[in-house]
N, C-alpha and C. Protein backbone atom coordinates (compact mmCIF):
# COMPACT_ATOMS: atom_id res chain seq x y z
N MET A 1 1.65 -1.15 -18.38
CA MET A 1 0.98 -2.07 -17.47
C MET A 1 -0.38 -2.42 -18.06
N THR A 2 -0.80 -3.64 -17.81
CA THR A 2 -2.09 -4.13 -18.29
C THR A 2 -3.00 -4.43 -17.10
N LYS A 3 -4.25 -4.75 -17.41
CA LYS A 3 -5.16 -5.12 -16.33
C LYS A 3 -4.66 -6.39 -15.63
N THR A 4 -4.07 -7.30 -16.38
CA THR A 4 -3.50 -8.50 -15.78
C THR A 4 -2.42 -8.13 -14.76
N ASP A 5 -1.62 -7.13 -15.08
CA ASP A 5 -0.60 -6.65 -14.14
C ASP A 5 -1.25 -6.07 -12.89
N ILE A 6 -2.35 -5.34 -13.07
CA ILE A 6 -3.07 -4.78 -11.92
C ILE A 6 -3.57 -5.91 -11.03
N ILE A 7 -4.13 -6.94 -11.64
CA ILE A 7 -4.61 -8.09 -10.86
C ILE A 7 -3.46 -8.67 -10.04
N GLU A 8 -2.29 -8.81 -10.64
CA GLU A 8 -1.13 -9.33 -9.91
C GLU A 8 -0.74 -8.40 -8.77
N GLN A 9 -0.80 -7.10 -8.99
CA GLN A 9 -0.47 -6.14 -7.93
C GLN A 9 -1.48 -6.21 -6.79
N VAL A 10 -2.76 -6.42 -7.12
CA VAL A 10 -3.77 -6.56 -6.06
C VAL A 10 -3.51 -7.84 -5.27
N LYS A 11 -3.09 -8.90 -5.95
CA LYS A 11 -2.71 -10.13 -5.24
C LYS A 11 -1.52 -9.87 -4.33
N ASN A 12 -0.52 -9.13 -4.83
CA ASN A 12 0.64 -8.77 -4.02
C ASN A 12 0.22 -7.95 -2.80
N LEU A 13 -0.69 -7.01 -3.02
CA LEU A 13 -1.20 -6.18 -1.93
C LEU A 13 -1.83 -7.06 -0.85
N ALA A 14 -2.72 -7.95 -1.26
CA ALA A 14 -3.43 -8.80 -0.30
C ALA A 14 -2.47 -9.72 0.45
N ALA A 15 -1.39 -10.14 -0.19
CA ALA A 15 -0.44 -11.05 0.43
C ALA A 15 0.62 -10.35 1.28
N ALA A 16 0.72 -9.04 1.16
CA ALA A 16 1.78 -8.31 1.85
C ALA A 16 1.58 -8.34 3.37
N PRO A 17 2.62 -8.68 4.12
CA PRO A 17 2.51 -8.68 5.58
C PRO A 17 2.18 -7.30 6.14
N SER A 18 2.53 -6.25 5.41
CA SER A 18 2.30 -4.88 5.87
C SER A 18 0.90 -4.37 5.49
N CYS A 19 0.09 -5.19 4.86
CA CYS A 19 -1.28 -4.80 4.49
C CYS A 19 -2.19 -5.06 5.68
N TYR A 20 -2.89 -4.03 6.12
CA TYR A 20 -3.77 -4.20 7.28
C TYR A 20 -5.06 -4.92 6.86
N ALA A 21 -5.71 -5.55 7.82
CA ALA A 21 -6.81 -6.48 7.56
C ALA A 21 -7.95 -5.92 6.70
N PRO A 22 -8.49 -4.73 6.97
CA PRO A 22 -9.58 -4.25 6.13
C PRO A 22 -9.18 -4.03 4.65
N LEU A 23 -7.95 -3.56 4.42
CA LEU A 23 -7.49 -3.37 3.04
C LEU A 23 -7.28 -4.72 2.37
N LYS A 24 -6.75 -5.67 3.11
CA LYS A 24 -6.58 -7.03 2.57
C LYS A 24 -7.94 -7.60 2.16
N ALA A 25 -8.95 -7.44 3.02
CA ALA A 25 -10.29 -7.95 2.72
C ALA A 25 -10.86 -7.27 1.47
N LEU A 26 -10.64 -5.97 1.34
CA LEU A 26 -11.12 -5.25 0.16
C LEU A 26 -10.41 -5.74 -1.10
N ALA A 27 -9.11 -5.95 -1.02
CA ALA A 27 -8.35 -6.46 -2.17
C ALA A 27 -8.87 -7.84 -2.57
N GLU A 28 -9.11 -8.69 -1.61
CA GLU A 28 -9.62 -10.03 -1.91
C GLU A 28 -11.03 -9.96 -2.50
N GLU A 29 -11.84 -9.05 -1.99
CA GLU A 29 -13.19 -8.86 -2.53
C GLU A 29 -13.11 -8.38 -3.98
N TRP A 30 -12.19 -7.45 -4.25
CA TRP A 30 -12.03 -6.95 -5.62
C TRP A 30 -11.60 -8.09 -6.54
N LEU A 31 -10.65 -8.90 -6.11
CA LEU A 31 -10.19 -10.02 -6.94
C LEU A 31 -11.33 -10.96 -7.30
N LYS A 32 -12.21 -11.22 -6.37
CA LYS A 32 -13.37 -12.09 -6.64
C LYS A 32 -14.36 -11.44 -7.59
N ALA A 33 -14.37 -10.10 -7.62
CA ALA A 33 -15.35 -9.38 -8.44
C ALA A 33 -14.86 -9.10 -9.86
N VAL A 34 -13.60 -9.37 -10.16
CA VAL A 34 -13.08 -9.11 -11.51
C VAL A 34 -13.95 -9.85 -12.52
N GLY A 35 -14.41 -9.11 -13.52
CA GLY A 35 -15.24 -9.68 -14.57
C GLY A 35 -16.72 -9.75 -14.24
N THR A 36 -17.10 -9.21 -13.08
CA THR A 36 -18.52 -9.21 -12.69
C THR A 36 -19.04 -7.77 -12.70
N PRO A 37 -20.35 -7.61 -12.60
CA PRO A 37 -20.92 -6.25 -12.56
C PRO A 37 -20.44 -5.43 -11.35
N GLU A 38 -19.99 -6.07 -10.29
CA GLU A 38 -19.53 -5.37 -9.09
C GLU A 38 -18.12 -4.80 -9.23
N GLU A 39 -17.41 -5.21 -10.27
CA GLU A 39 -16.00 -4.82 -10.39
C GLU A 39 -15.79 -3.31 -10.38
N LYS A 40 -16.55 -2.56 -11.16
CA LYS A 40 -16.33 -1.10 -11.26
C LYS A 40 -16.51 -0.41 -9.91
N ALA A 41 -17.57 -0.76 -9.20
CA ALA A 41 -17.81 -0.12 -7.90
C ALA A 41 -16.70 -0.48 -6.91
N LEU A 42 -16.28 -1.73 -6.93
CA LEU A 42 -15.20 -2.13 -6.02
C LEU A 42 -13.87 -1.53 -6.46
N SER A 43 -13.68 -1.32 -7.74
CA SER A 43 -12.45 -0.66 -8.21
C SER A 43 -12.38 0.75 -7.65
N ALA A 44 -13.48 1.47 -7.71
CA ALA A 44 -13.51 2.83 -7.17
C ALA A 44 -13.24 2.82 -5.67
N LYS A 45 -13.81 1.85 -4.98
CA LYS A 45 -13.61 1.74 -3.53
C LYS A 45 -12.15 1.40 -3.22
N LEU A 46 -11.56 0.49 -3.98
CA LEU A 46 -10.17 0.11 -3.77
C LEU A 46 -9.24 1.29 -4.02
N VAL A 47 -9.46 2.00 -5.11
CA VAL A 47 -8.62 3.17 -5.43
C VAL A 47 -8.73 4.22 -4.33
N ALA A 48 -9.94 4.50 -3.88
CA ALA A 48 -10.12 5.49 -2.81
C ALA A 48 -9.39 5.07 -1.53
N GLU A 49 -9.48 3.79 -1.20
CA GLU A 49 -8.80 3.30 0.01
C GLU A 49 -7.29 3.40 -0.15
N LEU A 50 -6.77 3.05 -1.32
CA LEU A 50 -5.33 3.14 -1.55
C LEU A 50 -4.86 4.59 -1.51
N GLU A 51 -5.67 5.51 -2.03
CA GLU A 51 -5.29 6.93 -1.99
C GLU A 51 -5.17 7.41 -0.55
N ALA A 52 -5.97 6.84 0.34
CA ALA A 52 -5.90 7.21 1.75
C ALA A 52 -4.78 6.48 2.49
N ASP A 53 -4.41 5.28 2.02
CA ASP A 53 -3.51 4.42 2.79
C ASP A 53 -2.06 4.40 2.35
N VAL A 54 -1.79 4.56 1.06
CA VAL A 54 -0.40 4.51 0.60
C VAL A 54 0.32 5.73 1.17
N GLN A 55 1.38 5.46 1.90
CA GLN A 55 2.07 6.51 2.65
C GLN A 55 3.25 7.11 1.89
N THR A 56 3.42 8.41 2.06
CA THR A 56 4.62 9.05 1.52
C THR A 56 5.80 8.69 2.41
N ILE A 57 6.97 8.91 1.89
CA ILE A 57 8.18 8.62 2.68
C ILE A 57 8.23 9.51 3.92
N ASP A 58 7.79 10.76 3.79
CA ASP A 58 7.79 11.66 4.95
C ASP A 58 6.82 11.20 6.02
N GLU A 59 5.68 10.65 5.60
CA GLU A 59 4.70 10.16 6.58
C GLU A 59 5.26 8.98 7.38
N VAL A 60 5.94 8.06 6.71
CA VAL A 60 6.47 6.91 7.46
C VAL A 60 7.67 7.31 8.31
N ILE A 61 8.45 8.27 7.84
CA ILE A 61 9.56 8.77 8.67
C ILE A 61 9.00 9.41 9.94
N GLU A 62 7.95 10.20 9.77
CA GLU A 62 7.32 10.83 10.94
C GLU A 62 6.76 9.77 11.89
N LEU A 63 6.10 8.76 11.35
CA LEU A 63 5.51 7.72 12.19
C LEU A 63 6.58 6.98 12.99
N PHE A 64 7.60 6.45 12.31
CA PHE A 64 8.58 5.62 13.01
C PHE A 64 9.58 6.43 13.83
N GLY A 65 9.53 7.75 13.69
CA GLY A 65 10.32 8.60 14.56
C GLY A 65 9.54 9.08 15.77
N SER A 66 8.30 8.64 15.88
CA SER A 66 7.44 9.11 16.97
C SER A 66 7.26 8.05 18.05
N GLU A 67 6.73 8.49 19.16
CA GLU A 67 6.41 7.57 20.26
C GLU A 67 5.36 6.56 19.81
N ALA A 68 4.39 7.00 19.02
CA ALA A 68 3.35 6.09 18.53
C ALA A 68 3.97 4.97 17.69
N GLY A 69 4.92 5.31 16.85
CA GLY A 69 5.60 4.30 16.04
C GLY A 69 6.39 3.33 16.89
N ARG A 70 7.06 3.84 17.91
CA ARG A 70 7.82 2.97 18.82
C ARG A 70 6.89 2.04 19.58
N LYS A 71 5.74 2.55 19.98
CA LYS A 71 4.77 1.72 20.70
C LYS A 71 4.17 0.66 19.77
N ALA A 72 3.97 1.01 18.51
CA ALA A 72 3.33 0.09 17.56
C ALA A 72 4.20 -1.11 17.23
N VAL A 73 5.50 -0.87 17.04
CA VAL A 73 6.37 -1.96 16.57
C VAL A 73 7.54 -2.26 17.50
N GLY A 74 7.68 -1.49 18.55
CA GLY A 74 8.81 -1.66 19.45
C GLY A 74 9.93 -0.70 19.08
N ALA A 75 10.71 -0.32 20.07
CA ALA A 75 11.75 0.70 19.87
C ALA A 75 12.80 0.28 18.85
N GLU A 76 13.26 -0.95 18.94
CA GLU A 76 14.31 -1.40 18.03
C GLU A 76 13.81 -1.48 16.59
N ALA A 77 12.64 -2.06 16.39
CA ALA A 77 12.09 -2.16 15.04
C ALA A 77 11.81 -0.76 14.47
N ALA A 78 11.29 0.13 15.31
CA ALA A 78 11.01 1.50 14.84
C ALA A 78 12.30 2.19 14.42
N ALA A 79 13.36 2.01 15.20
CA ALA A 79 14.65 2.63 14.85
C ALA A 79 15.18 2.07 13.53
N ASN A 80 15.05 0.76 13.35
CA ASN A 80 15.51 0.14 12.10
C ASN A 80 14.69 0.63 10.91
N MET A 81 13.39 0.72 11.10
CA MET A 81 12.52 1.18 10.02
C MET A 81 12.80 2.65 9.72
N LEU A 82 12.98 3.45 10.75
CA LEU A 82 13.28 4.86 10.56
C LEU A 82 14.57 5.02 9.75
N ALA A 83 15.59 4.27 10.10
CA ALA A 83 16.86 4.34 9.36
C ALA A 83 16.66 3.94 7.91
N HIS A 84 15.89 2.87 7.69
CA HIS A 84 15.63 2.41 6.32
C HIS A 84 14.91 3.49 5.51
N PHE A 85 13.85 4.05 6.08
CA PHE A 85 13.07 5.03 5.33
C PHE A 85 13.86 6.32 5.09
N LYS A 86 14.74 6.67 5.98
CA LYS A 86 15.62 7.82 5.74
C LYS A 86 16.56 7.53 4.57
N GLU A 87 17.03 6.29 4.46
CA GLU A 87 17.87 5.90 3.32
C GLU A 87 17.08 5.98 2.01
N VAL A 88 15.83 5.52 2.06
CA VAL A 88 14.97 5.57 0.87
C VAL A 88 14.80 7.02 0.43
N LYS A 89 14.54 7.89 1.40
CA LYS A 89 14.35 9.31 1.07
C LYS A 89 15.64 9.91 0.52
N ALA A 90 16.77 9.60 1.13
CA ALA A 90 18.05 10.13 0.67
C ALA A 90 18.36 9.69 -0.76
N ALA A 91 17.85 8.53 -1.13
CA ALA A 91 18.07 8.01 -2.50
C ALA A 91 17.02 8.55 -3.47
N GLY A 92 16.16 9.44 -3.00
CA GLY A 92 15.16 10.06 -3.87
C GLY A 92 13.78 9.45 -3.81
N GLY A 93 13.58 8.47 -2.93
CA GLY A 93 12.27 7.84 -2.82
C GLY A 93 11.23 8.79 -2.27
N LYS A 94 10.06 8.73 -2.83
CA LYS A 94 8.96 9.61 -2.41
C LYS A 94 7.87 8.86 -1.64
N TRP A 95 7.89 7.52 -1.75
CA TRP A 95 6.82 6.71 -1.18
C TRP A 95 7.38 5.63 -0.28
N CYS A 96 6.59 5.20 0.68
CA CYS A 96 6.93 4.05 1.51
C CYS A 96 7.20 2.88 0.57
N ASP A 97 8.22 2.10 0.89
CA ASP A 97 8.54 0.97 0.02
C ASP A 97 8.21 -0.38 0.65
N CYS A 98 7.33 -0.39 1.64
CA CYS A 98 6.88 -1.67 2.18
C CYS A 98 6.10 -2.39 1.07
N PRO A 99 5.96 -3.70 1.17
CA PRO A 99 5.28 -4.44 0.10
C PRO A 99 3.85 -3.95 -0.19
N ALA A 100 3.10 -3.60 0.83
CA ALA A 100 1.73 -3.13 0.60
C ALA A 100 1.71 -1.79 -0.11
N CYS A 101 2.54 -0.86 0.32
CA CYS A 101 2.57 0.46 -0.32
C CYS A 101 3.12 0.37 -1.75
N LYS A 102 4.10 -0.49 -1.96
CA LYS A 102 4.65 -0.65 -3.32
C LYS A 102 3.57 -1.16 -4.27
N ALA A 103 2.84 -2.18 -3.86
CA ALA A 103 1.76 -2.70 -4.70
C ALA A 103 0.66 -1.65 -4.86
N GLY A 104 0.31 -0.99 -3.76
CA GLY A 104 -0.72 0.05 -3.82
C GLY A 104 -0.35 1.18 -4.74
N ARG A 105 0.91 1.60 -4.70
CA ARG A 105 1.38 2.69 -5.57
C ARG A 105 1.30 2.26 -7.04
N ALA A 106 1.68 1.01 -7.34
CA ALA A 106 1.61 0.52 -8.71
C ALA A 106 0.16 0.53 -9.21
N ILE A 107 -0.77 0.16 -8.35
CA ILE A 107 -2.19 0.18 -8.72
C ILE A 107 -2.63 1.62 -8.95
N LEU A 108 -2.30 2.51 -8.03
CA LEU A 108 -2.70 3.92 -8.18
C LEU A 108 -2.11 4.56 -9.43
N ASP A 109 -0.87 4.22 -9.74
CA ASP A 109 -0.23 4.80 -10.92
C ASP A 109 -0.88 4.36 -12.22
N ASN A 110 -1.68 3.31 -12.15
CA ASN A 110 -2.35 2.77 -13.33
C ASN A 110 -3.84 2.58 -13.13
N LYS A 111 -4.41 3.36 -12.24
CA LYS A 111 -5.81 3.18 -11.84
C LYS A 111 -6.79 3.32 -13.00
N GLU A 112 -6.40 4.05 -14.05
CA GLU A 112 -7.30 4.21 -15.19
C GLU A 112 -7.62 2.87 -15.86
N LEU A 113 -6.80 1.87 -15.62
CA LEU A 113 -7.05 0.55 -16.20
C LEU A 113 -8.21 -0.17 -15.54
N ILE A 114 -8.58 0.24 -14.34
CA ILE A 114 -9.67 -0.44 -13.65
C ILE A 114 -10.84 0.47 -13.33
N LEU A 115 -10.69 1.75 -13.51
CA LEU A 115 -11.82 2.67 -13.23
C LEU A 115 -12.70 2.88 -14.43
């Protein structure tokens, strides 16, 4: 992976419907800062936020199997998501595979390119 690939992953992160607003804003801020003196500090901030936000498969299974998950997305959507994430885990997946987490994981796996 190259820094250009990281930039594309940050764009994917910002565009992902599953990316919550503050993370989206940080991703967009980082994209604007690429090549500027602010880039390194924002890179560290982005990596720290992704380390806190990218969910393991067990975390999302726990969420969508809970009352809080059902309240957040509705019972039917939570059941569908729970079934999907259980399939991901059964296939050996370790991380949430929503678009935001997938992009975030790709960035984290290559964070040395921006830190």
